[in-house]
Amino acid sequence: MRDDDIRSPLLPGGDLVAALLDREVMGLADRGGASNLIGDRWADIAAAHAETWLQRDYVIAVEDQEPLPIVRVDRLDAIPAVAAAASKRGLQNPDLLLIAQRGNEQAIQAADAKFSVETARSKQVSPEVVLGLLDLREHVPGLLHGVGDRPHVEPGVFLCPDYPLTHIMLRRRRGIVRTTVRPEEVVLVPADPARFWDEVQGAEIMFPLADTDDLPARPEEHLMAGVYYFRLARAAVGFWLDATKPLLLHNDTVNVDFGDVREEAIRRSLSAASAFEVIRRWDVDVQSIRSQRAAVDQVAALPIPGRELRPMTARIADAVGGEPPSANQVRRRLGAWYRGELRDRFGPIYPPVADLPSILRQLADVGRDLMPQAERELERIVRLLMMDANVPEQPAVTIGESRR
């Protein structure tokens, strides 16, 4: 049975395609970072596939010339220096650059991994993007090494999974947004559902959720089913975090107990008609804790409003004799100090709290007591940022180096 033929009242929208395009499912899933995890996994798979082109004589078509064989694949998304330099100059950077050569003739083509083809936009892999990256070479030594100043730059391509949803979207079916790229701009990459979820955190949680629905499409056999149940699994991870992480967060690293999340998903499945119902009920159950965290965040916010912080910063800078630093930088640093002071006094405050109004009153009282100290800390931060602004810029990082 084809993935796009799977229909069931247990699925939101009544079929697997509708379930994958359901905004509620996507929103809940991204509480647990589903989109980023799927995107990162697809970037790895697409990059590994592109590397095979070196052994298969894959070529770049050059207008009015014989195609040039690809001799190198540069993975830019794995090089933080490139993304940082591009972002600073308002440039996009594709995941990959394909470099072809025969003799002295060179060609470059951008390639971007897109798990969801409807999110692709032609300008992301346009020749203008590649030319912008060529101009970055003086800022990122090692970028496009060995490439001359005047290579042929061809319009780029997108690497998308070869599975039913990609084909449906290429037929101009509207998903969350409408697909705008043409089929000839897309390279379909094999996507083995049995291996897709290897080492993806939280993937083990999708199997008991899939067992709850017991559809003919299994996650390990059908990628569309895998994506749907993985989204539900990551929603569960997000709910677990909402229910367990401190109410007064400050530089906390919360390690997810995936085994605990899986056991909770199994327990909740016993009284639910569908996997989606499991997730919806779970979401409702943790809302009270989210409300407690939001209330704590509101009371624990920096008590100096932005409209006051700017002139206070300007007065300090004027007294020192210099330009005031960025108001956003000042607020971030002062806010972190303030939050740290509260954390030292109250600890993490783990949920749920039985008498939240009492905690909120105590937080507000301490906040008022901290105001004189906050003004002194503000002056220290402004002076420090002004000193940092006068430090000479560090030399560019060469690709392959790490700054320690």
Protein backbone atom coordinates (compact mmCIF):
# COMPACT_ATOMS: atom_id res chain seq x y z
CA MET A 1 0.00 0.00 0.00
CA ARG A 2 1.31 3.46 -0.90
CA ASP A 3 1.89 5.93 1.94
CA ASP A 4 -0.41 8.52 0.36
CA ASP A 5 -3.26 5.97 0.29
CA ILE A 6 -3.28 5.48 4.07
CA ARG A 7 -6.62 6.66 5.42
CA SER A 8 -7.91 6.37 8.97
CA PRO A 9 -10.17 8.33 11.34
CA LEU A 10 -7.32 8.01 13.85
CA LEU A 11 -5.24 10.48 11.81
CA PRO A 12 -5.80 14.26 11.92
CA GLY A 13 -7.45 15.14 8.61
CA GLY A 14 -8.34 11.50 7.97
CA ASP A 15 -5.26 10.45 5.96
CA LEU A 16 -1.49 10.40 6.21
CA VAL A 17 -0.91 13.32 3.83
CA ALA A 18 -3.28 15.55 5.79
CA ALA A 19 -1.64 14.44 9.05
CA LEU A 20 1.78 15.49 7.77
CA LEU A 21 0.44 18.90 6.74
CA ASP A 22 -1.54 19.48 9.93
CA ARG A 23 -0.52 22.77 11.57
CA GLU A 24 -1.47 21.62 15.07
CA VAL A 25 0.73 18.53 14.77
CA MET A 26 3.65 20.64 13.51
CA GLY A 27 3.24 23.20 16.27
CA LEU A 28 3.17 20.57 19.01
CA ALA A 29 6.08 18.67 17.44
CA ASP A 30 8.29 21.74 17.40
CA ARG A 31 7.93 22.08 21.17
CA GLY A 32 10.37 19.18 21.06
CA GLY A 33 12.46 20.44 18.12
CA ALA A 34 11.16 17.97 15.53
CA SER A 35 11.77 20.15 12.46
CA ASN A 36 15.39 20.88 13.34
CA LEU A 37 16.15 17.23 14.04
CA ILE A 38 14.58 16.07 10.76
CA GLY A 39 16.37 18.84 8.88
CA ASP A 40 19.74 17.98 10.41
CA ARG A 41 19.32 14.29 9.65
CA TRP A 42 18.32 15.06 6.07
CA ALA A 43 21.33 17.36 5.63
CA ASP A 44 23.62 14.45 6.60
CA ILE A 45 21.86 12.03 4.24
CA ALA A 46 21.85 14.50 1.35
CA ALA A 47 25.53 15.37 1.83
CA ALA A 48 26.50 11.68 1.90
CA HIS A 49 24.51 11.15 -1.31
CA ALA A 50 26.22 14.09 -3.02
CA GLU A 51 29.62 12.62 -2.16
CA THR A 52 28.74 9.54 -4.23
CA TRP A 53 28.57 11.73 -7.33
CA LEU A 54 32.36 11.88 -7.33
CA GLN A 55 32.44 8.15 -8.10
CA ARG A 56 29.55 8.24 -10.57
CA ASP A 57 30.81 10.89 -12.99
CA TYR A 58 28.05 13.32 -12.04
CA VAL A 59 28.37 16.52 -14.07
CA ILE A 60 27.35 20.16 -14.02
CA ALA A 61 25.74 21.35 -17.22
CA VAL A 62 27.38 24.54 -18.49
CA GLU A 63 25.57 26.67 -21.03
CA ASP A 64 26.96 26.27 -24.58
CA GLN A 65 29.70 23.91 -23.37
CA GLU A 66 30.30 20.26 -22.67
CA PRO A 67 29.24 19.34 -19.11
CA LEU A 68 32.03 19.37 -16.52
CA PRO A 69 32.52 16.45 -14.07
CA ILE A 70 32.15 17.17 -10.35
CA VAL A 71 35.52 16.81 -8.61
CA ARG A 72 34.64 18.13 -5.16
CA VAL A 73 31.70 18.64 -2.79
CA ASP A 74 32.18 21.34 -0.14
CA ARG A 75 29.79 21.06 2.80
CA LEU A 76 29.27 24.62 4.03
CA ASP A 77 26.61 23.89 6.65
CA ALA A 78 29.24 22.10 8.73
CA ILE A 79 31.55 25.15 8.82
CA PRO A 80 30.35 27.74 11.38
CA ALA A 81 32.80 30.38 10.09
CA VAL A 82 31.01 30.45 6.72
CA ALA A 83 27.53 30.85 8.18
CA ALA A 84 28.74 33.58 10.56
CA ALA A 85 30.51 35.56 7.83
CA ALA A 86 27.58 35.19 5.42
CA SER A 87 25.01 36.21 8.03
CA LYS A 88 27.02 39.29 8.99
CA ARG A 89 26.82 40.46 5.37
CA GLY A 90 23.19 39.52 4.82
CA LEU A 91 24.03 36.58 2.57
CA GLN A 92 22.45 33.15 2.47
CA ASN A 93 24.66 30.12 2.30
CA PRO A 94 23.54 26.80 0.79
CA ASP A 95 24.41 23.50 2.44
CA LEU A 96 26.71 22.36 -0.35
CA LEU A 97 28.82 23.70 -3.19
CA LEU A 98 29.44 21.35 -6.11
CA ILE A 99 32.70 22.10 -7.88
CA ALA A 100 33.35 20.73 -11.36
CA GLN A 101 36.49 20.96 -13.43
CA ARG A 102 38.11 19.83 -16.64
CA GLY A 103 41.52 21.28 -17.37
CA ASN A 104 41.36 24.99 -16.62
CA GLU A 105 37.56 25.14 -16.91
CA GLN A 106 35.69 25.30 -13.61
CA ALA A 107 32.01 25.41 -12.69
CA ILE A 108 30.20 25.82 -9.37
CA GLN A 109 26.66 24.94 -8.45
CA ALA A 110 24.96 25.44 -5.09
CA ALA A 111 22.92 22.59 -3.62
CA ASP A 112 20.64 22.80 -0.60
CA ALA A 113 19.14 19.92 1.35
CA LYS A 114 15.38 20.42 1.74
CA PHE A 115 13.36 17.73 3.42
CA SER A 116 10.17 19.66 2.60
CA VAL A 117 10.33 20.75 -1.02
CA GLU A 118 7.65 23.40 -0.53
CA THR A 119 10.09 25.39 1.64
CA ALA A 120 12.64 25.64 -1.19
CA ARG A 121 13.12 28.99 -2.95
CA SER A 122 15.21 29.29 -6.11
CA LYS A 123 17.08 32.36 -4.87
CA GLN A 124 18.62 30.26 -2.07
CA VAL A 125 20.80 28.46 -4.64
CA SER A 126 21.05 31.18 -7.26
CA PRO A 127 24.29 32.19 -9.01
CA GLU A 128 24.12 35.46 -7.05
CA VAL A 129 24.44 33.49 -3.79
CA VAL A 130 27.54 31.68 -5.07
CA LEU A 131 29.11 34.92 -6.29
CA GLY A 132 28.50 36.41 -2.84
CA LEU A 133 30.31 33.45 -1.27
CA LEU A 134 33.22 33.94 -3.67
CA ASP A 135 33.51 37.49 -2.36
CA LEU A 136 33.70 36.13 1.20
CA ARG A 137 37.00 34.35 0.59
CA GLU A 138 39.04 37.20 2.03
CA HIS A 139 37.05 36.95 5.26
CA VAL A 140 37.03 33.14 5.53
CA PRO A 141 40.41 31.78 4.42
CA GLY A 142 40.05 28.31 2.92
CA LEU A 143 36.56 28.92 1.54
CA LEU A 144 36.43 27.69 -2.09
CA HIS A 145 40.16 27.07 -2.09
CA GLY A 146 41.54 26.19 -5.48
CA VAL A 147 38.69 27.93 -7.31
CA GLY A 148 39.66 30.66 -9.73
CA ASP A 149 38.20 34.14 -9.88
CA ARG A 150 35.99 33.50 -12.93
CA PRO A 151 34.38 30.05 -12.73
CA HIS A 152 31.12 29.28 -14.50
CA VAL A 153 28.35 29.66 -11.89
CA GLU A 154 25.22 27.70 -12.67
CA PRO A 155 21.75 27.86 -11.07
CA GLY A 156 21.59 25.48 -8.13
CA VAL A 157 19.50 22.49 -7.14
CA PHE A 158 17.66 21.15 -4.11
CA LEU A 159 18.20 17.67 -2.69
CA CYS A 160 14.82 16.32 -1.56
CA PRO A 161 13.70 12.89 -0.36
CA ASP A 162 12.34 10.58 -3.00
CA TYR A 163 9.08 9.74 -1.25
CA PRO A 164 5.40 10.33 -2.02
CA LEU A 165 5.00 13.70 -0.26
CA THR A 166 7.75 15.29 -2.37
CA HIS A 167 6.03 14.12 -5.57
CA ILE A 168 2.67 15.39 -4.33
CA MET A 169 4.11 18.82 -3.51
CA LEU A 170 5.88 19.02 -6.90
CA ARG A 171 2.49 18.60 -8.52
CA ARG A 172 1.76 22.00 -6.95
CA ARG A 173 -0.31 20.57 -4.12
CA ARG A 174 -0.50 23.24 -1.42
CA GLY A 175 1.04 22.22 1.87
CA ILE A 176 1.76 24.74 4.60
CA VAL A 177 2.97 26.91 1.71
CA ARG A 178 2.80 26.37 -2.03
CA THR A 179 5.75 24.78 -3.84
CA THR A 180 7.48 27.33 -6.07
CA VAL A 181 10.49 25.45 -7.47
CA ARG A 182 10.28 23.51 -10.71
CA PRO A 183 10.83 19.74 -10.87
CA GLU A 184 14.05 20.26 -12.87
CA GLU A 185 15.48 22.18 -9.90
CA VAL A 186 15.01 19.15 -7.63
CA VAL A 187 17.30 16.13 -7.28
CA LEU A 188 15.43 13.22 -5.69
CA VAL A 189 17.58 11.41 -3.14
CA PRO A 190 16.79 7.88 -1.90
CA ALA A 191 15.48 7.92 1.66
CA ASP A 192 15.51 4.50 3.35
CA PRO A 193 12.84 4.59 6.10
CA ALA A 194 14.56 1.74 7.94
CA ARG A 195 17.78 3.79 8.35
CA PHE A 196 16.47 7.33 8.33
CA TRP A 197 16.02 7.52 12.10
CA ASP A 198 19.39 6.02 13.04
CA GLU A 199 20.79 7.94 16.03
CA VAL A 200 18.02 10.59 15.87
CA GLN A 201 17.16 11.43 19.47
CA GLY A 202 13.68 10.41 20.51
CA ALA A 203 13.00 8.14 17.53
CA GLU A 204 12.37 5.17 19.84
CA ILE A 205 9.30 6.93 21.26
CA MET A 206 7.45 6.85 17.94
CA PHE A 207 7.02 3.06 17.94
CA PRO A 208 4.62 2.73 20.90
CA LEU A 209 2.67 5.68 19.48
CA ALA A 210 2.46 3.90 16.11
CA ASP A 211 1.35 0.73 17.92
CA THR A 212 -1.57 2.70 19.38
CA ASP A 213 -2.96 3.40 15.89
CA ASP A 214 -1.79 0.10 14.35
CA LEU A 215 -1.99 1.44 10.78
CA PRO A 216 -0.81 -0.67 7.83
CA ALA A 217 2.06 1.83 7.31
CA ARG A 218 4.82 1.23 9.86
CA PRO A 219 7.40 3.97 10.65
CA GLU A 220 10.33 1.67 9.86
CA GLU A 221 8.80 0.78 6.46
CA HIS A 222 7.15 4.01 5.31
CA LEU A 223 8.91 7.36 5.64
CA MET A 224 5.68 9.36 5.68
CA ALA A 225 4.46 7.33 8.65
CA GLY A 226 7.86 7.72 10.27
CA VAL A 227 7.75 11.51 9.96
CA TYR A 228 4.24 11.69 11.42
CA TYR A 229 4.99 9.50 14.43
CA PHE A 230 8.38 11.12 14.98
CA ARG A 231 6.64 14.49 15.19
CA LEU A 232 4.30 13.08 17.83
CA ALA A 233 7.28 11.57 19.64
CA ARG A 234 9.12 14.91 19.77
CA ALA A 235 5.93 16.60 20.95
CA ALA A 236 6.01 14.13 23.85
CA VAL A 237 9.63 15.09 24.54
CA GLY A 238 8.63 18.74 24.61
CA PHE A 239 5.82 18.01 27.06
CA TRP A 240 8.19 16.04 29.30
CA LEU A 241 10.55 19.01 29.35
CA ASP A 242 7.70 21.41 30.09
CA ALA A 243 6.67 19.24 33.04
CA THR A 244 10.16 18.71 34.53
CA LYS A 245 12.51 21.63 33.83
CA PRO A 246 12.87 24.34 36.51
CA LEU A 247 10.44 27.22 36.67
CA LEU A 248 13.31 29.62 37.31
CA LEU A 249 15.65 28.66 34.48
CA HIS A 250 19.20 30.03 34.41
CA ASN A 251 21.92 28.40 32.29
CA ASP A 252 20.33 25.00 32.94
CA THR A 253 21.13 21.96 30.84
CA VAL A 254 18.19 19.59 31.07
CA ASN A 255 18.96 16.07 29.93
CA VAL A 256 15.94 14.25 28.53
CA ASP A 257 15.26 10.79 29.93
CA PHE A 258 13.99 9.25 26.69
CA GLY A 259 13.19 6.00 28.45
CA ASP A 260 10.95 7.86 30.87
CA VAL A 261 9.21 9.68 28.01
CA ARG A 262 8.64 6.38 26.20
CA GLU A 263 7.18 4.73 29.31
CA GLU A 264 4.88 7.71 29.86
CA ALA A 265 3.74 7.52 26.22
CA ILE A 266 2.94 3.83 26.67
CA ARG A 267 1.04 4.48 29.90
CA ARG A 268 -1.02 7.25 28.31
CA SER A 269 -1.75 5.11 25.25
CA LEU A 270 -3.67 2.61 27.37
CA SER A 271 -6.56 5.05 27.81
CA ALA A 272 -6.46 6.84 24.43
CA ALA A 273 -8.18 5.99 21.16
CA SER A 274 -5.32 7.25 18.99
CA ALA A 275 -1.73 8.47 19.14
CA PHE A 276 -2.89 11.98 18.33
CA GLU A 277 -5.30 11.85 21.26
CA VAL A 278 -2.38 10.81 23.51
CA ILE A 279 -0.50 13.93 22.47
CA ARG A 280 -3.45 16.28 22.72
CA ARG A 281 -4.32 15.13 26.24
CA TRP A 282 -0.67 15.30 27.31
CA ASP A 283 -0.47 18.86 26.02
CA VAL A 284 -3.50 19.87 28.10
CA ASP A 285 -2.09 18.17 31.20
CA VAL A 286 1.16 20.18 31.20
CA GLN A 287 -0.48 23.53 30.42
CA SER A 288 -0.83 24.38 34.12
CA ILE A 289 2.92 24.01 34.60
CA ARG A 290 3.59 26.16 31.53
CA SER A 291 1.35 28.80 33.10
CA GLN A 292 3.34 28.62 36.34
CA ARG A 293 6.60 29.03 34.40
CA ALA A 294 5.20 32.01 32.47
CA ALA A 295 4.13 33.66 35.74
CA VAL A 296 7.59 33.16 37.24
CA ASP A 297 9.22 34.53 34.07
CA GLN A 298 7.07 37.63 34.22
CA VAL A 299 7.92 38.40 37.86
CA ALA A 300 11.58 37.44 37.40
CA ALA A 301 12.05 39.73 34.39
CA LEU A 302 14.52 42.60 34.66
CA PRO A 303 12.67 45.37 36.54
CA ILE A 304 14.20 48.19 34.48
CA PRO A 305 11.99 48.86 31.42
CA GLY A 306 13.66 49.34 28.04
CA ARG A 307 12.46 52.95 27.85
CA GLU A 308 14.50 53.66 31.01
CA LEU A 309 17.45 51.41 30.23
CA ARG A 310 18.45 53.28 27.06
CA PRO A 311 18.82 56.75 28.65
CA MET A 312 20.53 55.24 31.69
CA THR A 313 23.04 53.52 29.38
CA ALA A 314 23.56 56.74 27.41
CA ARG A 315 24.27 58.73 30.58
CA ILE A 316 26.89 56.23 31.74
CA ALA A 317 28.56 56.19 28.30
CA ASP A 318 28.53 59.99 28.16
CA ALA A 319 30.21 60.18 31.58
CA VAL A 320 32.91 57.77 30.40
CA GLY A 321 33.29 59.69 27.14
CA GLY A 322 32.31 57.25 24.41
CA GLU A 323 29.54 55.76 22.29
CA PRO A 324 26.92 53.76 24.22
CA PRO A 325 26.93 50.02 23.50
CA SER A 326 24.01 48.15 21.96
CA ALA A 327 20.93 48.33 24.15
CA ASN A 328 20.19 44.67 23.36
CA GLN A 329 23.63 43.62 24.59
CA VAL A 330 23.23 45.63 27.76
CA ARG A 331 19.77 44.17 28.44
CA ARG A 332 20.94 40.58 27.81
CA ARG A 333 23.90 40.88 30.19
CA LEU A 334 22.03 42.75 32.89
CA GLY A 335 19.10 40.35 32.59
CA ALA A 336 21.45 37.36 32.98
CA TRP A 337 23.00 38.92 36.09
CA TYR A 338 19.59 39.66 37.57
CA ARG A 339 18.30 36.17 36.85
CA GLY A 340 21.43 34.71 38.43
CA GLU A 341 20.88 36.73 41.60
CA LEU A 342 17.33 35.44 41.89
CA ARG A 343 18.47 31.90 41.24
CA ASP A 344 21.08 32.15 44.01
CA ARG A 345 18.32 33.08 46.45
CA PHE A 346 15.50 30.79 45.34
CA GLY A 347 17.15 27.87 43.60
CA PRO A 348 15.63 26.34 40.45
CA ILE A 349 12.01 26.08 41.77
CA TYR A 350 10.90 22.72 40.39
CA PRO A 351 7.30 22.26 39.20
CA PRO A 352 4.57 21.95 40.15
CA VAL A 353 4.49 24.55 42.93
CA ALA A 354 1.63 24.22 45.41
CA ASP A 355 1.60 27.86 46.59
CA LEU A 356 2.70 29.84 43.54
CA PRO A 357 1.33 33.24 44.72
CA SER A 358 3.66 33.10 47.73
CA ILE A 359 6.68 32.39 45.50
CA LEU A 360 5.72 35.23 43.17
CA ARG A 361 5.44 37.69 46.07
CA GLN A 362 8.87 36.68 47.37
CA LEU A 363 10.40 37.07 43.90
CA ALA A 364 8.90 40.55 43.57
CA ASP A 365 10.18 41.58 47.03
CA VAL A 366 13.73 40.43 46.25
CA GLY A 367 13.55 42.18 42.88
CA ARG A 368 12.82 45.49 44.59
CA ASP A 369 15.72 44.94 47.00
CA LEU A 370 18.06 44.29 44.06
CA MET A 371 17.33 47.58 42.27
CA PRO A 372 20.23 49.62 43.78
CA GLN A 373 22.64 46.77 43.03
CA ALA A 374 21.21 46.48 39.50
CA GLU A 375 22.06 50.11 38.78
CA ARG A 376 25.66 49.54 39.88
CA GLU A 377 25.83 46.38 37.76
CA LEU A 378 24.47 48.33 34.79
CA GLU A 379 27.36 50.78 35.03
CA ARG A 380 29.88 47.93 35.22
CA ILE A 381 28.36 46.22 32.17
CA VAL A 382 28.28 49.41 30.07
CA ARG A 383 31.91 50.20 30.88
CA LEU A 384 32.95 46.62 30.09
CA LEU A 385 31.12 46.60 26.74
CA MET A 386 32.71 49.94 25.81
CA MET A 387 36.16 48.53 26.60
CA ASP A 388 35.43 45.43 24.50
CA ALA A 389 34.38 47.63 21.59
CA ASN A 390 37.84 49.18 21.55
CA VAL A 391 39.67 45.83 21.37
CA PRO A 392 41.08 45.19 17.84
CA GLU A 393 39.14 42.62 15.82
CA GLN A 394 40.57 39.10 15.88
CA PRO A 395 41.96 37.67 12.64
CA ALA A 396 39.65 35.58 10.47
CA VAL A 397 39.37 31.88 11.25
CA THR A 398 40.71 29.57 8.58
CA ILE A 399 38.44 26.67 7.65
CA GLY A 400 39.65 23.60 9.44
CA GLU A 401 40.95 25.51 12.47
CA SER A 402 39.13 25.62 15.78
CA ARG A 403 39.34 28.52 18.17
CA ARG A 404 39.78 27.31 21.76
